[in-house]
């Protein structure tokens, strides 16, 4: 069952997912189970998060790896520049650095 997403909801969840994987350094060989991605979000947003993860996989920004316990995900190193310098992450890093100063 596919959930229709508004652009604003997609961008918000895209940022949350990319930031979580980026923050924990899940690039290339380092990966995490796909079930761990929505952790930390309210339970009613899990479905939206899974939909956004599938879209990011289709876009190529997130890669998948089959493991003994299921499917794991990681950030695709080929898109490191796009991910590191995406508007959402760049804006968050700037705001976060202002808070720390």
C-alpha atoms as a PDB file:
ATOM      1  CA  UNK A   1       0.000   0.000   0.000  1.00  0.00           C
ATOM      2  CA  UNK A   2       1.644   3.203  -1.147  1.00  0.00           C
ATOM      3  CA  UNK A   3       1.150   6.390   0.788  1.00  0.00           C
ATOM      4  CA  UNK A   4       0.816   9.600  -1.212  1.00  0.00           C
ATOM      5  CA  UNK A   5       3.254  12.129   0.205  1.00  0.00           C
ATOM      6  CA  UNK A   6       3.144  15.864   0.078  1.00  0.00           C
ATOM      7  CA  UNK A   7       6.383  17.543  -0.947  1.00  0.00           C
ATOM      8  CA  UNK A   8       6.853  19.084   2.503  1.00  0.00           C
ATOM      9  CA  UNK A   9       6.437  15.737   4.291  1.00  0.00           C
ATOM     10  CA  UNK A  10       8.826  14.066   1.840  1.00  0.00           C
ATOM     11  CA  UNK A  11      11.535  16.696   2.369  1.00  0.00           C
ATOM     12  CA  UNK A  12      11.123  16.550   6.156  1.00  0.00           C
ATOM     13  CA  UNK A  13      11.436  12.780   6.313  1.00  0.00           C
ATOM     14  CA  UNK A  14      14.181  12.710   3.669  1.00  0.00           C
ATOM     15  CA  UNK A  15      16.208  15.027   5.875  1.00  0.00           C
ATOM     16  CA  UNK A  16      15.552  12.962   9.004  1.00  0.00           C
ATOM     17  CA  UNK A  17      16.594   9.735   7.298  1.00  0.00           C
ATOM     18  CA  UNK A  18      19.684  11.174   5.600  1.00  0.00           C
ATOM     19  CA  UNK A  19      20.731  12.965   8.775  1.00  0.00           C
ATOM     20  CA  UNK A  20      20.387   9.813  10.876  1.00  0.00           C
ATOM     21  CA  UNK A  21      22.472   7.734   8.477  1.00  0.00           C
ATOM     22  CA  UNK A  22      24.974  10.602   7.971  1.00  0.00           C
ATOM     23  CA  UNK A  23      25.292  11.291  11.699  1.00  0.00           C
ATOM     24  CA  UNK A  24      26.024   7.626  12.463  1.00  0.00           C
ATOM     25  CA  UNK A  25      28.463   7.342   9.517  1.00  0.00           C
ATOM     26  CA  UNK A  26      26.538   4.637   7.637  1.00  0.00           C
ATOM     27  CA  UNK A  27      28.479   4.974   4.372  1.00  0.00           C
ATOM     28  CA  UNK A  28      29.278   2.049   2.080  1.00  0.00           C
ATOM     29  CA  UNK A  29      30.375  -0.960   4.118  1.00  0.00           C
ATOM     30  CA  UNK A  30      28.867   0.290   7.381  1.00  0.00           C
ATOM     31  CA  UNK A  31      25.131  -0.368   7.381  1.00  0.00           C
ATOM     32  CA  UNK A  32      22.121  -0.677   9.678  1.00  0.00           C
ATOM     33  CA  UNK A  33      18.940  -2.762   9.518  1.00  0.00           C
ATOM     34  CA  UNK A  34      16.143  -1.044   7.628  1.00  0.00           C
ATOM     35  CA  UNK A  35      13.925  -1.517  10.707  1.00  0.00           C
ATOM     36  CA  UNK A  36      16.206   0.849  12.668  1.00  0.00           C
ATOM     37  CA  UNK A  37      15.709   3.796  10.333  1.00  0.00           C
ATOM     38  CA  UNK A  38      12.328   5.004  11.703  1.00  0.00           C
ATOM     39  CA  UNK A  39      13.388   4.604  15.347  1.00  0.00           C
ATOM     40  CA  UNK A  40      13.179   7.915  17.152  1.00  0.00           C
ATOM     41  CA  UNK A  41      10.169   9.031  15.112  1.00  0.00           C
ATOM     42  CA  UNK A  42       6.608   8.988  16.408  1.00  0.00           C
ATOM     43  CA  UNK A  43       4.987   5.590  15.692  1.00  0.00           C
ATOM     44  CA  UNK A  44       2.358   7.099  13.398  1.00  0.00           C
ATOM     45  CA  UNK A  45       5.148   8.292  11.042  1.00  0.00           C
ATOM     46  CA  UNK A  46       6.778   4.857  10.539  1.00  0.00           C
ATOM     47  CA  UNK A  47       4.807   4.174   7.346  1.00  0.00           C
ATOM     48  CA  UNK A  48       5.762   7.527   5.847  1.00  0.00           C
ATOM     49  CA  UNK A  49       9.405   6.898   6.755  1.00  0.00           C
ATOM     50  CA  UNK A  50       9.386   3.490   5.052  1.00  0.00           C
ATOM     51  CA  UNK A  51       7.877   5.074   1.912  1.00  0.00           C
ATOM     52  CA  UNK A  52      10.580   7.755   1.843  1.00  0.00           C
ATOM     53  CA  UNK A  53      13.313   5.126   2.347  1.00  0.00           C
ATOM     54  CA  UNK A  54      12.001   3.214  -0.682  1.00  0.00           C
ATOM     55  CA  UNK A  55      12.033   6.419  -2.762  1.00  0.00           C
ATOM     56  CA  UNK A  56      15.596   7.218  -1.671  1.00  0.00           C
ATOM     57  CA  UNK A  57      16.638   3.688  -2.631  1.00  0.00           C
ATOM     58  CA  UNK A  58      15.101   4.191  -6.095  1.00  0.00           C
ATOM     59  CA  UNK A  59      16.918   7.540  -6.373  1.00  0.00           C
ATOM     60  CA  UNK A  60      20.180   5.777  -5.512  1.00  0.00           C
ATOM     61  CA  UNK A  61      21.012   7.879  -2.460  1.00  0.00           C
ATOM     62  CA  UNK A  62      20.541   4.880  -0.152  1.00  0.00           C
ATOM     63  CA  UNK A  63      21.890   1.433  -0.949  1.00  0.00           C
ATOM     64  CA  UNK A  64      20.696  -1.924   0.327  1.00  0.00           C
ATOM     65  CA  UNK A  65      22.568  -4.977   1.472  1.00  0.00           C
ATOM     66  CA  UNK A  66      21.065  -8.399   2.093  1.00  0.00           C
ATOM     67  CA  UNK A  67      22.246  -9.863   5.400  1.00  0.00           C
ATOM     68  CA  UNK A  68      21.426 -12.920   7.472  1.00  0.00           C
ATOM     69  CA  UNK A  69      18.909 -10.983   9.545  1.00  0.00           C
ATOM     70  CA  UNK A  70      17.223  -9.067   6.720  1.00  0.00           C
ATOM     71  CA  UNK A  71      17.879  -5.996   4.619  1.00  0.00           C
ATOM     72  CA  UNK A  72      20.326  -3.320   5.743  1.00  0.00           C
ATOM     73  CA  UNK A  73      20.675   0.197   4.361  1.00  0.00           C
ATOM     74  CA  UNK A  74      23.568   2.610   3.962  1.00  0.00           C
ATOM     75  CA  UNK A  75      24.326   5.929   2.296  1.00  0.00           C
ATOM     76  CA  UNK A  76      25.646   5.518  -1.227  1.00  0.00           C
ATOM     77  CA  UNK A  77      29.202   6.953  -1.359  1.00  0.00           C
ATOM     78  CA  UNK A  78      28.667   7.891  -5.033  1.00  0.00           C
ATOM     79  CA  UNK A  79      26.197  10.541  -3.861  1.00  0.00           C
ATOM     80  CA  UNK A  80      28.299  11.830  -0.960  1.00  0.00           C
ATOM     81  CA  UNK A  81      28.587  15.361  -2.366  1.00  0.00           C
ATOM     82  CA  UNK A  82      24.855  15.622  -2.999  1.00  0.00           C
ATOM     83  CA  UNK A  83      24.061  14.299   0.471  1.00  0.00           C
ATOM     84  CA  UNK A  84      26.655  16.339   2.375  1.00  0.00           C
ATOM     85  CA  UNK A  85      25.730  19.551   0.588  1.00  0.00           C
ATOM     86  CA  UNK A  86      21.974  19.102   0.311  1.00  0.00           C
ATOM     87  CA  UNK A  87      20.059  22.196   1.379  1.00  0.00           C
ATOM     88  CA  UNK A  88      18.421  20.515   4.356  1.00  0.00           C
ATOM     89  CA  UNK A  89      21.597  19.101   5.887  1.00  0.00           C
ATOM     90  CA  UNK A  90      23.616  22.236   5.190  1.00  0.00           C
ATOM     91  CA  UNK A  91      20.950  24.405   6.858  1.00  0.00           C
ATOM     92  CA  UNK A  92      20.770  22.082   9.873  1.00  0.00           C
ATOM     93  CA  UNK A  93      24.547  22.066  10.340  1.00  0.00           C
ATOM     94  CA  UNK A  94      24.607  25.880  10.219  1.00  0.00           C
ATOM     95  CA  UNK A  95      21.792  26.170  12.776  1.00  0.00           C
ATOM     96  CA  UNK A  96      23.352  23.505  14.991  1.00  0.00           C
ATOM     97  CA  UNK A  97      26.750  25.203  14.933  1.00  0.00           C
ATOM     98  CA  UNK A  98      25.108  28.527  15.977  1.00  0.00           C
ATOM     99  CA  UNK A  99      23.514  26.784  18.953  1.00  0.00           C
ATOM    100  CA  UNK A 100      26.850  25.340  20.057  1.00  0.00           C
ATOM    101  CA  UNK A 101      28.653  28.696  19.950  1.00  0.00           C
END
